[in-house]
Amino acid sequence: MADDSLLHIQELLESAQASLKTASALLRDLTGIADPNRERHIQRAALTPSSGPVSGRVIEGVFDGQNMMDGNGQSYPVPANYASKSKLVEGDGMKLTITDEGKFIYKQIAPIERRITKGVLIQEDGQYKVLVEGRALRVLLASVTFYRAEVGDQVTVLLPSEGQAQWAAIEAVLPRHLADAAAQELVAGSRDAEADGELSPVLNRALLAEDEEEETPKTTRKRKA
């Protein structure tokens, strides 16, 4: 009986080790960080408040949505939790101080002018993105988990005021009842515009398709399927 228990414990340990290896591989694929321990060290250093002047090597760069890029094109990994909580926007000017002890301390020094808009959280090619203004923009996984967002949620995001960004910063997740109300208001407004002949061709085609779907008998839809 004791031998069976020991074998069972050994199997559980091996299964846990395999799960950790799989999780580490997925983390590398999602974040590009090959050493999770180094990432945790950078996060702790970046989030640790400074009690006074910090000496060390200072590097300035621009946040590209995931990393900080300096003037020479060198990339420095910005902790995802720090970027999410600080709501860094692609194009923000940043400063990295590498202390004599080897700590990495990030600071936002030149926030870019930004705007806020709404979008829908989707998943594409294994990555979370926000569908906004007809484009799918990447968002940090840490932001999705921090706000406990799910695919299909309507979110507000921060974007640079000018230019086309590749990344969006999640500002908030709209509660379901507010998102549903906003969607119903959009449909109602679209139908009013349709009656006045002011509806855009894109929305007009979408509403016509919706009406045809509602009028199509269920038996017909089954045959098409």
Protein backbone atom coordinates (compact mmCIF):
# COMPACT_ATOMS: atom_id res chain seq x y z
CA MET A 1 0.00 0.00 0.00
CA ALA A 2 2.84 2.38 0.87
CA ASP A 3 4.59 1.55 -2.41
CA ASP A 4 1.45 2.42 -4.38
CA SER A 5 1.21 5.77 -2.59
CA LEU A 6 4.84 6.57 -3.35
CA LEU A 7 4.36 5.71 -7.02
CA HIS A 8 1.28 7.90 -7.15
CA ILE A 9 3.19 10.81 -5.57
CA GLN A 10 6.02 10.33 -8.06
CA GLU A 11 3.55 10.41 -10.95
CA LEU A 12 1.99 13.62 -9.62
CA LEU A 13 5.42 15.27 -9.35
CA GLU A 14 6.37 14.28 -12.89
CA SER A 15 3.03 15.58 -14.18
CA ALA A 16 3.53 18.90 -12.35
CA GLN A 17 7.05 19.28 -13.77
CA ALA A 18 5.77 18.62 -17.29
CA SER A 19 3.01 21.21 -16.82
CA LEU A 20 5.57 23.79 -15.65
CA LYS A 21 7.73 23.16 -18.71
CA THR A 22 4.72 23.56 -20.99
CA ALA A 23 3.67 26.78 -19.23
CA SER A 24 7.21 28.17 -19.52
CA ALA A 25 7.27 27.41 -23.25
CA LEU A 26 3.93 29.15 -23.75
CA LEU A 27 5.18 32.14 -21.76
CA ARG A 28 8.23 32.40 -24.00
CA ASP A 29 6.04 32.30 -27.10
CA LEU A 30 3.72 35.03 -25.78
CA THR A 31 6.22 37.42 -24.23
CA GLY A 32 9.50 36.66 -25.97
CA ILE A 33 11.16 36.36 -22.55
CA ALA A 34 13.46 33.37 -22.52
CA ASP A 35 14.20 33.57 -18.78
CA PRO A 36 11.09 34.03 -16.57
CA ASN A 37 13.30 34.57 -13.51
CA ARG A 38 14.96 37.52 -15.25
CA GLU A 39 11.54 38.90 -16.19
CA ARG A 40 10.37 38.71 -12.56
CA HIS A 41 13.59 40.42 -11.46
CA ILE A 42 13.01 43.24 -13.96
CA GLN A 43 9.38 43.61 -12.86
CA ARG A 44 10.33 43.90 -9.19
CA ALA A 45 13.03 46.41 -9.99
CA ALA A 46 10.76 48.50 -12.20
CA LEU A 47 7.96 48.60 -9.68
CA THR A 48 10.19 49.37 -6.68
CA PRO A 49 9.87 53.06 -5.78
CA SER A 50 13.10 54.99 -5.54
CA SER A 51 13.85 56.70 -2.24
CA GLY A 52 16.37 59.11 -3.76
CA PRO A 53 18.63 59.80 -6.74
CA VAL A 54 19.59 56.63 -8.57
CA SER A 55 23.06 56.26 -10.02
CA GLY A 56 23.83 54.07 -12.94
CA ARG A 57 23.60 53.89 -16.70
CA VAL A 58 20.68 55.86 -18.15
CA ILE A 59 19.10 54.94 -21.48
CA GLU A 60 16.26 56.81 -23.13
CA GLY A 61 13.94 55.38 -25.72
CA VAL A 62 10.40 55.00 -26.98
CA PHE A 63 7.79 52.45 -25.95
CA ASP A 64 6.75 50.34 -28.95
CA GLY A 65 3.77 48.71 -27.27
CA GLN A 66 5.76 45.93 -25.65
CA ASN A 67 9.41 46.98 -25.32
CA MET A 68 11.49 50.15 -25.10
CA MET A 69 13.54 50.93 -28.21
CA ASP A 70 16.56 53.22 -27.91
CA GLY A 71 18.01 55.44 -30.63
CA ASN A 72 20.20 52.60 -31.91
CA GLY A 73 17.33 50.19 -32.33
CA GLN A 74 18.26 48.18 -29.23
CA SER A 75 15.23 46.63 -27.50
CA TYR A 76 14.74 46.53 -23.74
CA PRO A 77 11.90 44.41 -22.29
CA VAL A 78 9.43 46.50 -20.31
CA PRO A 79 7.68 44.45 -17.60
CA ALA A 80 4.19 43.70 -18.88
CA ASN A 81 2.57 44.31 -15.49
CA TYR A 82 4.23 47.73 -15.23
CA ALA A 83 3.21 48.69 -18.78
CA SER A 84 -0.38 47.57 -18.15
CA LYS A 85 -0.85 49.31 -14.82
CA SER A 86 0.85 52.48 -16.08
CA LYS A 87 -1.25 52.31 -19.28
CA LEU A 88 1.74 53.01 -21.46
CA VAL A 89 0.86 53.92 -25.03
CA GLU A 90 2.88 53.13 -28.12
CA GLY A 91 5.12 56.15 -28.70
CA ASP A 92 5.56 57.16 -25.04
CA GLY A 93 9.05 58.43 -24.23
CA MET A 94 10.76 56.39 -21.50
CA LYS A 95 13.92 56.31 -19.45
CA LEU A 96 15.64 53.16 -18.25
CA THR A 97 18.15 53.35 -15.43
CA ILE A 98 20.37 50.31 -14.95
CA THR A 99 21.77 50.72 -11.47
CA ASP A 100 25.24 49.72 -10.34
CA GLU A 101 23.59 46.75 -8.63
CA GLY A 102 22.03 45.63 -11.91
CA LYS A 103 18.47 46.74 -11.23
CA PHE A 104 16.30 47.92 -14.12
CA ILE A 105 14.17 50.97 -13.29
CA TYR A 106 11.79 52.26 -15.94
CA LYS A 107 10.13 55.67 -15.93
CA GLN A 108 7.74 57.36 -18.33
CA ILE A 109 9.23 60.77 -19.16
CA ALA A 110 7.40 62.00 -22.27
CA PRO A 111 3.80 60.72 -22.63
CA ILE A 112 2.60 60.96 -26.20
CA GLU A 113 -0.68 62.73 -26.89
CA ARG A 114 -3.38 60.09 -26.75
CA ARG A 115 -7.03 59.51 -27.43
CA ILE A 116 -9.57 57.03 -26.12
CA THR A 117 -11.92 54.88 -28.16
CA LYS A 118 -13.93 51.66 -27.92
CA GLY A 119 -13.24 48.24 -29.35
CA VAL A 120 -14.01 44.54 -28.97
CA LEU A 121 -11.57 42.00 -27.55
CA ILE A 122 -10.83 39.14 -29.96
CA GLN A 123 -8.29 36.33 -30.24
CA GLU A 124 -6.36 35.90 -33.46
CA ASP A 125 -3.41 33.59 -34.16
CA GLY A 126 -3.27 32.73 -30.47
CA GLN A 127 -2.92 36.38 -29.44
CA TYR A 128 -5.35 38.77 -27.80
CA LYS A 129 -6.22 41.78 -29.94
CA VAL A 130 -8.77 44.58 -29.93
CA LEU A 131 -10.86 45.17 -33.01
CA VAL A 132 -11.13 48.92 -33.24
CA GLU A 133 -11.89 51.22 -36.16
CA GLY A 134 -11.68 48.33 -38.59
CA ARG A 135 -8.22 47.20 -37.44
CA ALA A 136 -7.02 44.46 -35.10
CA LEU A 137 -4.50 45.92 -32.64
CA ARG A 138 -2.42 43.83 -30.25
CA VAL A 139 -2.82 44.22 -26.49
CA LEU A 140 -0.66 42.97 -23.64
CA LEU A 141 -1.71 39.65 -22.14
CA ALA A 142 -1.09 41.16 -18.69
CA SER A 143 -3.75 43.80 -19.39
CA VAL A 144 -6.28 41.16 -20.41
CA THR A 145 -5.69 39.12 -17.27
CA PHE A 146 -5.51 42.20 -15.01
CA TYR A 147 -8.97 43.36 -16.14
CA ARG A 148 -10.25 39.76 -16.37
CA ALA A 149 -11.42 40.49 -19.88
CA GLU A 150 -12.88 37.80 -22.10
CA VAL A 151 -13.17 37.45 -25.85
CA GLY A 152 -16.21 39.41 -27.00
CA ASP A 153 -15.97 42.02 -24.23
CA GLN A 154 -16.24 45.66 -25.24
CA VAL A 155 -13.25 47.62 -23.96
CA THR A 156 -12.03 51.19 -24.02
CA VAL A 157 -8.46 51.59 -25.23
CA LEU A 158 -5.84 54.33 -25.43
CA LEU A 159 -4.20 55.09 -28.77
CA PRO A 160 -1.76 57.72 -30.04
CA SER A 161 -3.66 60.77 -31.30
CA GLU A 162 -1.81 60.64 -34.61
CA GLY A 163 -0.61 57.83 -36.83
CA GLN A 164 -1.59 54.17 -36.96
CA ALA A 165 -0.48 52.17 -33.94
CA GLN A 166 0.07 48.43 -33.85
CA TRP A 167 -0.68 48.16 -30.13
CA ALA A 168 -3.50 49.45 -27.94
CA ALA A 169 -3.49 50.01 -24.17
CA ILE A 170 -6.59 48.77 -22.38
CA GLU A 171 -8.17 51.52 -20.30
CA ALA A 172 -11.18 49.63 -18.94
CA VAL A 173 -13.62 46.81 -19.67
CA LEU A 174 -17.23 47.89 -20.14
CA PRO A 175 -19.72 45.95 -17.99
CA ARG A 176 -21.90 43.62 -20.04
CA HIS A 177 -25.13 45.56 -19.53
CA LEU A 178 -23.52 48.82 -20.66
CA ALA A 179 -21.96 47.15 -23.70
CA ASP A 180 -25.30 45.60 -24.68
CA ALA A 181 -27.04 48.94 -24.24
CA ALA A 182 -24.43 50.67 -26.41
CA ALA A 183 -24.84 48.04 -29.12
CA GLN A 184 -28.62 48.42 -29.09
CA GLU A 185 -28.27 52.19 -29.25
CA LEU A 186 -25.96 51.86 -32.26
CA VAL A 187 -28.44 49.60 -34.06
CA ALA A 188 -31.33 51.94 -33.25
CA GLY A 189 -29.39 54.95 -34.46
CA SER A 190 -28.42 53.10 -37.63
CA ARG A 191 -32.06 52.29 -38.39
CA ASP A 192 -33.06 55.92 -37.86
CA ALA A 193 -30.34 56.97 -40.27
CA GLU A 194 -31.53 54.32 -42.71
CA ALA A 195 -35.05 55.77 -42.61
CA ASP A 196 -33.66 59.24 -43.29
CA GLY A 197 -31.51 57.98 -46.14
CA GLU A 198 -28.30 58.98 -44.32
CA LEU A 199 -26.93 55.53 -43.59
CA SER A 200 -23.47 54.70 -44.87
CA PRO A 201 -23.26 51.96 -47.53
CA VAL A 202 -21.37 49.66 -45.14
CA LEU A 203 -23.97 49.85 -42.36
CA ASN A 204 -26.74 49.68 -44.94
CA ARG A 205 -25.43 46.36 -46.26
CA ALA A 206 -25.01 45.04 -42.72
CA LEU A 207 -28.61 45.90 -41.79
CA LEU A 208 -29.96 44.42 -45.03
CA ALA A 209 -28.08 41.21 -44.32
CA GLU A 210 -29.49 41.16 -40.79
CA ASP A 211 -33.04 41.66 -42.09
CA GLU A 212 -32.60 38.87 -44.65
CA GLU A 213 -31.31 36.56 -41.94
CA GLU A 214 -34.35 37.29 -39.76
CA GLU A 215 -36.75 36.65 -42.67
CA THR A 216 -35.06 33.42 -43.80
CA PRO A 217 -37.04 30.34 -42.66
CA LYS A 218 -35.21 28.07 -40.26
CA THR A 219 -35.58 25.10 -42.61
CA THR A 220 -33.80 27.03 -45.34
CA ARG A 221 -30.90 27.89 -43.07
CA LYS A 222 -30.56 24.24 -42.12
CA ARG A 223 -30.31 23.19 -45.77
CA LYS A 224 -27.60 25.80 -46.38
CA ALA A 225 -25.66 24.55 -43.40
